[in-house]
C-alpha cells in the first residue's frame, strides 16, 4: 500500500509574525484573534457541509443535539477521508467531484447487478430465527 503523504506546511514570515504579535499582546487565550479563528473555522465547517450535502446527496442533517451533529460531522469526515484514500490509491489524485460521481455510479451498478439470492433480507433473518412477525 502506497503511503499517503502528510503534506507540507506553508508557513511564511507573516504567519510567524502573527504568532509573535499574539504572544506579545494581552490576548493570549481570548480576544480578537480567537474570534477571527472561530469565524473562519465556522465558515470552513459550513463549506465542508455544503460540499458534503451537495455531492454526497445528503439533503439535511438528521441530528439536532450537539452530540448528534458531532457524530454526523465525524461521519462526513470519515467519508471524505475514505474518498481521499480511494482517489489516491486508484488514480493518484485528490478527491474530485468527477471521482465522487464515478464511485457513486460504480457502487449503484454493482448493487444493481447483485443476485438477489446473495442478499440477506429482513424476511430471511426472521424466518431463520423462527420469528413470524416483525415488530
N, C-alpha and C. Protein backbone atom coordinates (compact mmCIF):
# COMPACT_ATOMS: atom_id res chain seq x y z
N UNK A 1 0.84 -1.17 0.00
CA UNK A 1 0.00 0.00 0.00
C UNK A 1 0.89 1.24 0.00
N UNK A 2 0.59 2.15 -0.89
CA UNK A 2 1.35 3.38 -1.00
C UNK A 2 0.96 4.33 0.11
N UNK A 3 1.93 4.84 0.87
CA UNK A 3 1.58 5.78 1.93
C UNK A 3 1.06 7.10 1.36
N UNK A 4 0.11 7.67 2.05
CA UNK A 4 -0.42 8.97 1.67
C UNK A 4 0.45 10.02 2.35
N UNK A 5 1.05 10.90 1.55
CA UNK A 5 1.95 11.89 2.17
C UNK A 5 1.21 12.81 3.12
N UNK A 6 1.88 13.17 4.20
CA UNK A 6 1.30 14.04 5.22
C UNK A 6 1.02 15.42 4.64
N UNK A 7 1.92 15.93 3.88
CA UNK A 7 1.75 17.26 3.31
C UNK A 7 2.82 18.20 3.84
N UNK A 8 2.93 19.32 3.19
CA UNK A 8 3.91 20.31 3.59
C UNK A 8 3.21 21.48 4.25
N UNK A 9 3.85 22.02 5.26
CA UNK A 9 3.33 23.23 5.87
C UNK A 9 3.74 24.40 5.00
N UNK A 10 2.89 25.37 4.98
CA UNK A 10 3.20 26.60 4.25
C UNK A 10 3.21 27.73 5.27
N UNK A 11 4.32 27.90 5.93
CA UNK A 11 4.46 28.91 6.98
C UNK A 11 5.44 29.97 6.46
N UNK A 12 4.92 31.17 6.36
CA UNK A 12 5.80 32.24 5.89
C UNK A 12 6.06 33.24 7.03
N UNK A 13 6.79 34.29 6.73
CA UNK A 13 7.15 35.28 7.74
C UNK A 13 5.92 35.97 8.34
N UNK A 14 4.88 36.17 7.54
CA UNK A 14 3.65 36.79 8.05
C UNK A 14 3.00 35.91 9.12
N UNK A 15 3.00 34.58 8.90
CA UNK A 15 2.44 33.65 9.88
C UNK A 15 3.22 33.71 11.19
N UNK A 16 4.53 33.71 11.06
CA UNK A 16 5.39 33.76 12.25
C UNK A 16 5.17 35.08 13.00
N UNK A 17 5.07 36.16 12.26
CA UNK A 17 4.85 37.46 12.89
C UNK A 17 3.49 37.51 13.59
N UNK A 18 2.46 36.89 13.00
CA UNK A 18 1.13 36.86 13.62
C UNK A 18 1.18 36.15 14.97
N UNK A 19 1.93 35.05 15.05
CA UNK A 19 2.07 34.32 16.32
C UNK A 19 2.82 35.18 17.33
N UNK A 20 3.88 35.82 16.91
CA UNK A 20 4.64 36.69 17.80
C UNK A 20 3.75 37.82 18.33
N UNK A 21 2.95 38.41 17.44
CA UNK A 21 2.06 39.51 17.85
C UNK A 21 1.08 39.07 18.93
N UNK A 22 0.53 37.85 18.78
CA UNK A 22 -0.40 37.35 19.79
C UNK A 22 0.32 37.11 21.11
N UNK A 23 1.50 36.52 21.06
CA UNK A 23 2.27 36.27 22.29
C UNK A 23 2.62 37.56 23.02
N UNK A 24 2.83 38.61 22.28
CA UNK A 24 3.20 39.90 22.90
C UNK A 24 1.98 40.72 23.32
N UNK A 25 0.80 40.30 22.93
CA UNK A 25 -0.41 41.05 23.27
C UNK A 25 -0.95 40.60 24.63
N UNK A 26 -2.01 41.28 25.07
CA UNK A 26 -2.69 40.89 26.31
C UNK A 26 -3.77 39.84 26.06
N UNK A 27 -3.90 39.37 24.83
CA UNK A 27 -5.00 38.47 24.44
C UNK A 27 -4.45 37.12 23.99
N UNK A 28 -3.97 36.33 24.92
CA UNK A 28 -3.39 35.04 24.53
C UNK A 28 -4.46 33.98 24.28
N UNK A 29 -5.46 33.88 25.16
CA UNK A 29 -6.47 32.82 25.02
C UNK A 29 -7.85 33.34 24.66
N UNK A 30 -8.04 34.63 24.62
CA UNK A 30 -9.30 35.22 24.20
C UNK A 30 -8.97 36.43 23.34
N UNK A 31 -9.98 37.11 22.88
CA UNK A 31 -9.72 38.35 22.16
C UNK A 31 -9.96 38.25 20.67
N UNK A 32 -9.48 39.25 19.94
CA UNK A 32 -9.82 39.37 18.52
C UNK A 32 -9.30 38.22 17.66
N UNK A 33 -8.15 37.70 17.94
CA UNK A 33 -7.62 36.60 17.11
C UNK A 33 -8.42 35.31 17.32
N UNK A 34 -8.87 35.07 18.54
CA UNK A 34 -9.71 33.90 18.81
C UNK A 34 -11.04 34.04 18.10
N UNK A 35 -11.62 35.24 18.17
CA UNK A 35 -12.89 35.49 17.47
C UNK A 35 -12.72 35.30 15.97
N UNK A 36 -11.61 35.76 15.42
CA UNK A 36 -11.34 35.59 13.98
C UNK A 36 -11.21 34.10 13.64
N UNK A 37 -10.46 33.37 14.48
CA UNK A 37 -10.30 31.93 14.25
C UNK A 37 -11.66 31.22 14.28
N UNK A 38 -12.48 31.53 15.28
CA UNK A 38 -13.80 30.88 15.40
C UNK A 38 -14.66 31.19 14.18
N UNK A 39 -14.60 32.42 13.68
CA UNK A 39 -15.38 32.80 12.50
C UNK A 39 -14.92 32.02 11.27
N UNK A 40 -13.60 31.97 11.05
CA UNK A 40 -13.05 31.26 9.90
C UNK A 40 -13.34 29.76 10.03
N UNK A 41 -13.21 29.22 11.23
CA UNK A 41 -13.49 27.80 11.43
C UNK A 41 -14.95 27.49 11.12
N UNK A 42 -15.87 28.32 11.59
CA UNK A 42 -17.30 28.12 11.32
C UNK A 42 -17.57 28.17 9.82
N UNK A 43 -16.95 29.10 9.12
CA UNK A 43 -17.12 29.19 7.67
C UNK A 43 -16.60 27.93 6.98
N UNK A 44 -15.47 27.41 7.47
CA UNK A 44 -14.88 26.20 6.90
C UNK A 44 -15.80 25.00 7.11
N UNK A 45 -16.36 24.87 8.30
CA UNK A 45 -17.28 23.77 8.59
C UNK A 45 -18.52 23.88 7.70
N UNK A 46 -19.04 25.10 7.54
CA UNK A 46 -20.20 25.31 6.67
C UNK A 46 -19.87 24.94 5.23
N UNK A 47 -18.69 25.31 4.77
CA UNK A 47 -18.27 24.97 3.41
C UNK A 47 -18.18 23.45 3.25
N UNK A 48 -17.58 22.79 4.25
CA UNK A 48 -17.46 21.33 4.20
C UNK A 48 -18.84 20.68 4.13
N UNK A 49 -19.78 21.11 5.00
CA UNK A 49 -21.11 20.52 4.99
C UNK A 49 -21.84 20.83 3.69
N UNK A 50 -21.62 22.01 3.15
CA UNK A 50 -22.22 22.34 1.86
C UNK A 50 -21.76 21.38 0.78
N UNK A 51 -20.46 21.12 0.75
CA UNK A 51 -19.91 20.16 -0.22
C UNK A 51 -20.49 18.77 0.02
N UNK A 52 -20.49 18.36 1.28
CA UNK A 52 -20.98 17.03 1.66
C UNK A 52 -22.43 16.85 1.25
N UNK A 53 -23.25 17.84 1.53
CA UNK A 53 -24.68 17.74 1.23
C UNK A 53 -24.93 17.72 -0.27
N UNK A 54 -24.22 18.57 -1.01
CA UNK A 54 -24.43 18.64 -2.46
C UNK A 54 -23.96 17.39 -3.18
N UNK A 55 -22.75 16.94 -2.89
CA UNK A 55 -22.13 15.91 -3.70
C UNK A 55 -22.34 14.49 -3.19
N UNK A 56 -22.71 14.35 -1.94
CA UNK A 56 -22.99 13.02 -1.43
C UNK A 56 -24.49 12.80 -1.26
N UNK A 57 -25.28 13.74 -1.76
CA UNK A 57 -26.74 13.65 -1.75
C UNK A 57 -27.30 13.53 -0.33
N UNK A 58 -26.71 14.26 0.59
CA UNK A 58 -27.24 14.36 1.95
C UNK A 58 -27.95 15.70 2.01
N UNK A 59 -29.27 15.68 1.98
CA UNK A 59 -30.01 16.92 1.82
C UNK A 59 -30.22 17.69 3.12
N UNK A 60 -30.21 17.02 4.24
CA UNK A 60 -30.32 17.72 5.51
C UNK A 60 -29.73 16.87 6.62
N UNK A 61 -29.34 17.53 7.66
CA UNK A 61 -28.81 16.81 8.81
C UNK A 61 -29.97 16.28 9.64
N UNK A 62 -29.79 15.11 10.17
CA UNK A 62 -30.84 14.47 10.95
C UNK A 62 -30.77 14.90 12.40
N UNK A 63 -29.57 14.98 12.93
CA UNK A 63 -29.39 15.26 14.35
C UNK A 63 -29.67 16.72 14.68
N UNK A 64 -30.12 16.93 15.87
CA UNK A 64 -30.36 18.28 16.37
C UNK A 64 -29.55 18.57 17.63
N UNK A 65 -29.09 17.52 18.31
CA UNK A 65 -28.31 17.73 19.53
C UNK A 65 -26.84 17.95 19.17
N UNK A 66 -26.10 18.49 20.10
CA UNK A 66 -24.68 18.74 19.88
C UNK A 66 -23.95 17.43 19.60
N UNK A 67 -24.26 16.38 20.35
CA UNK A 67 -23.62 15.08 20.15
C UNK A 67 -23.99 14.50 18.79
N UNK A 68 -25.25 14.60 18.42
CA UNK A 68 -25.70 14.08 17.13
C UNK A 68 -25.03 14.77 15.96
N UNK A 69 -24.89 16.09 16.05
CA UNK A 69 -24.21 16.84 14.99
C UNK A 69 -22.74 16.43 14.93
N UNK A 70 -22.12 16.22 16.10
CA UNK A 70 -20.73 15.77 16.14
C UNK A 70 -20.59 14.42 15.43
N UNK A 71 -21.49 13.50 15.70
CA UNK A 71 -21.44 12.18 15.05
C UNK A 71 -21.57 12.35 13.53
N UNK A 72 -22.48 13.21 13.10
CA UNK A 72 -22.64 13.42 11.66
C UNK A 72 -21.41 14.10 11.05
N UNK A 73 -20.80 15.00 11.78
CA UNK A 73 -19.56 15.62 11.29
C UNK A 73 -18.47 14.57 11.13
N UNK A 74 -18.34 13.71 12.13
CA UNK A 74 -17.33 12.65 12.05
C UNK A 74 -17.63 11.70 10.90
N UNK A 75 -18.89 11.37 10.69
CA UNK A 75 -19.26 10.51 9.56
C UNK A 75 -18.88 11.18 8.24
N UNK A 76 -19.12 12.46 8.14
CA UNK A 76 -18.75 13.20 6.93
C UNK A 76 -17.25 13.22 6.72
N UNK A 77 -16.50 13.45 7.79
CA UNK A 77 -15.04 13.47 7.68
C UNK A 77 -14.50 12.09 7.30
N UNK A 78 -15.06 11.05 7.91
CA UNK A 78 -14.63 9.68 7.58
C UNK A 78 -14.94 9.39 6.11
N UNK A 79 -16.12 9.80 5.66
CA UNK A 79 -16.49 9.61 4.25
C UNK A 79 -15.48 10.30 3.35
N UNK A 80 -15.17 11.54 3.69
CA UNK A 80 -14.22 12.29 2.87
C UNK A 80 -12.85 11.62 2.88
N UNK A 81 -12.38 11.18 4.06
CA UNK A 81 -11.08 10.53 4.13
C UNK A 81 -11.04 9.24 3.32
N UNK A 82 -12.12 8.46 3.37
CA UNK A 82 -12.18 7.25 2.56
C UNK A 82 -12.15 7.58 1.07
N UNK A 83 -12.84 8.65 0.69
CA UNK A 83 -12.80 9.10 -0.71
C UNK A 83 -11.38 9.53 -1.09
N UNK A 84 -10.71 10.22 -0.17
CA UNK A 84 -9.35 10.67 -0.44
C UNK A 84 -8.41 9.48 -0.63
N UNK A 85 -8.55 8.47 0.23
CA UNK A 85 -7.72 7.26 0.10
C UNK A 85 -8.02 6.57 -1.22
N UNK A 86 -9.30 6.42 -1.55
CA UNK A 86 -9.70 5.77 -2.80
C UNK A 86 -9.12 6.51 -4.00
N UNK A 87 -9.28 7.82 -4.05
CA UNK A 87 -8.78 8.60 -5.19
C UNK A 87 -7.26 8.52 -5.29
N UNK A 88 -6.60 8.52 -4.14
CA UNK A 88 -5.14 8.44 -4.14
C UNK A 88 -4.68 7.06 -4.62
N UNK A 89 -5.30 6.01 -4.09
CA UNK A 89 -4.90 4.63 -4.44
C UNK A 89 -5.23 4.29 -5.89
N UNK A 90 -6.42 4.66 -6.35
CA UNK A 90 -6.88 4.26 -7.68
C UNK A 90 -6.39 5.18 -8.79
N UNK A 91 -6.27 6.47 -8.51
CA UNK A 91 -5.98 7.44 -9.57
C UNK A 91 -4.79 8.34 -9.28
N UNK A 92 -4.21 8.21 -8.09
CA UNK A 92 -3.10 9.06 -7.67
C UNK A 92 -3.43 10.55 -7.82
N UNK A 93 -4.63 10.91 -7.34
CA UNK A 93 -5.05 12.31 -7.40
C UNK A 93 -5.92 12.64 -6.20
N UNK A 94 -6.19 13.93 -6.03
CA UNK A 94 -7.03 14.39 -4.93
C UNK A 94 -8.50 14.08 -5.22
N UNK A 95 -9.32 14.18 -4.19
CA UNK A 95 -10.76 13.99 -4.34
C UNK A 95 -11.30 15.03 -5.31
N UNK A 96 -12.13 14.58 -6.23
CA UNK A 96 -12.78 15.50 -7.16
C UNK A 96 -14.23 15.07 -7.32
N UNK A 97 -15.04 15.99 -7.73
CA UNK A 97 -16.45 15.69 -7.95
C UNK A 97 -16.59 14.61 -9.01
N UNK A 98 -15.75 14.66 -10.02
CA UNK A 98 -15.77 13.65 -11.07
C UNK A 98 -15.59 12.25 -10.48
N UNK A 99 -14.60 12.10 -9.60
CA UNK A 99 -14.32 10.79 -9.00
C UNK A 99 -15.44 10.37 -8.03
N UNK A 100 -16.00 11.32 -7.29
CA UNK A 100 -17.12 11.00 -6.39
C UNK A 100 -18.29 10.46 -7.20
N UNK A 101 -18.61 11.13 -8.30
CA UNK A 101 -19.72 10.68 -9.15
C UNK A 101 -19.44 9.32 -9.77
N UNK A 102 -18.20 9.11 -10.23
CA UNK A 102 -17.83 7.80 -10.80
C UNK A 102 -17.99 6.70 -9.77
N UNK A 103 -17.51 6.95 -8.54
CA UNK A 103 -17.61 5.94 -7.49
C UNK A 103 -19.06 5.66 -7.13
N UNK A 104 -19.87 6.72 -7.03
CA UNK A 104 -21.29 6.54 -6.72
C UNK A 104 -21.96 5.69 -7.80
N UNK A 105 -21.67 5.97 -9.07
CA UNK A 105 -22.24 5.19 -10.17
C UNK A 105 -21.75 3.75 -10.11
N UNK A 106 -20.48 3.55 -9.83
CA UNK A 106 -19.92 2.20 -9.73
C UNK A 106 -20.61 1.41 -8.62
N UNK A 107 -20.80 2.03 -7.46
CA UNK A 107 -21.47 1.36 -6.34
C UNK A 107 -22.91 1.01 -6.71
N UNK A 108 -23.62 1.94 -7.33
CA UNK A 108 -25.01 1.69 -7.74
C UNK A 108 -25.09 0.55 -8.75
N UNK A 109 -24.18 0.55 -9.72
CA UNK A 109 -24.19 -0.51 -10.73
C UNK A 109 -23.88 -1.87 -10.12
N UNK A 110 -22.91 -1.92 -9.22
CA UNK A 110 -22.59 -3.19 -8.55
C UNK A 110 -23.75 -3.68 -7.70
N UNK A 111 -24.43 -2.76 -7.03
CA UNK A 111 -25.57 -3.15 -6.21
C UNK A 111 -26.70 -3.68 -7.09
N UNK A 112 -26.92 -3.05 -8.23
CA UNK A 112 -27.98 -3.49 -9.13
C UNK A 112 -27.67 -4.85 -9.74
N UNK A 113 -26.39 -5.15 -9.89
CA UNK A 113 -26.00 -6.41 -10.52
C UNK A 113 -25.99 -7.58 -9.55
N UNK A 114 -26.07 -7.29 -8.26
CA UNK A 114 -26.03 -8.38 -7.28
C UNK A 114 -27.22 -9.32 -7.48
N UNK A 115 -26.96 -10.58 -7.38
CA UNK A 115 -28.02 -11.57 -7.49
C UNK A 115 -28.83 -11.55 -6.20
N UNK A 116 -30.13 -11.52 -6.29
CA UNK A 116 -30.98 -11.45 -5.09
C UNK A 116 -30.75 -12.62 -4.15
N UNK A 117 -30.34 -13.75 -4.68
CA UNK A 117 -30.10 -14.90 -3.80
C UNK A 117 -28.89 -14.68 -2.90
N UNK A 118 -28.01 -13.78 -3.29
CA UNK A 118 -26.85 -13.47 -2.46
C UNK A 118 -27.19 -12.47 -1.36
N UNK A 119 -28.33 -11.82 -1.47
CA UNK A 119 -28.71 -10.80 -0.50
C UNK A 119 -29.46 -11.43 0.67
N UNK A 120 -29.18 -10.97 1.86
CA UNK A 120 -29.91 -11.40 3.03
C UNK A 120 -30.99 -10.36 3.29
N UNK A 121 -32.24 -10.78 3.27
CA UNK A 121 -33.34 -9.86 3.50
C UNK A 121 -33.78 -9.95 4.95
N UNK A 122 -34.54 -8.95 5.38
CA UNK A 122 -35.09 -8.98 6.73
C UNK A 122 -35.99 -10.21 6.91
N UNK A 123 -36.78 -10.53 5.88
CA UNK A 123 -37.68 -11.69 5.97
C UNK A 123 -36.88 -12.98 6.20
N UNK A 124 -35.76 -13.13 5.51
CA UNK A 124 -34.95 -14.33 5.67
C UNK A 124 -34.39 -14.41 7.09
N UNK A 125 -34.01 -13.29 7.65
CA UNK A 125 -33.50 -13.28 9.02
C UNK A 125 -34.59 -13.68 10.01
N UNK A 126 -35.81 -13.20 9.81
CA UNK A 126 -36.91 -13.55 10.71
C UNK A 126 -37.24 -15.03 10.60
N UNK A 127 -37.24 -15.56 9.39
CA UNK A 127 -37.52 -16.99 9.21
C UNK A 127 -36.44 -17.83 9.87
N UNK A 128 -35.20 -17.40 9.72
CA UNK A 128 -34.07 -18.13 10.29
C UNK A 128 -34.15 -18.19 11.81
N UNK A 129 -34.63 -17.11 12.43
CA UNK A 129 -34.75 -17.05 13.89
C UNK A 129 -36.04 -17.68 14.39
N UNK A 130 -36.91 -18.12 13.47
CA UNK A 130 -38.17 -18.70 13.87
C UNK A 130 -39.20 -17.67 14.27
N UNK A 131 -38.98 -16.44 13.89
CA UNK A 131 -39.94 -15.37 14.20
C UNK A 131 -40.95 -15.28 13.06
N UNK A 132 -42.18 -14.95 13.40
CA UNK A 132 -43.22 -14.91 12.38
C UNK A 132 -43.72 -13.51 12.07
N UNK A 133 -43.49 -12.60 12.94
CA UNK A 133 -43.99 -11.24 12.71
C UNK A 133 -42.93 -10.24 13.08
N UNK A 134 -42.87 -9.20 12.27
CA UNK A 134 -41.95 -8.11 12.56
C UNK A 134 -42.62 -7.19 13.57
N UNK A 135 -41.83 -6.67 14.49
CA UNK A 135 -42.40 -5.72 15.45
C UNK A 135 -41.79 -4.37 15.28
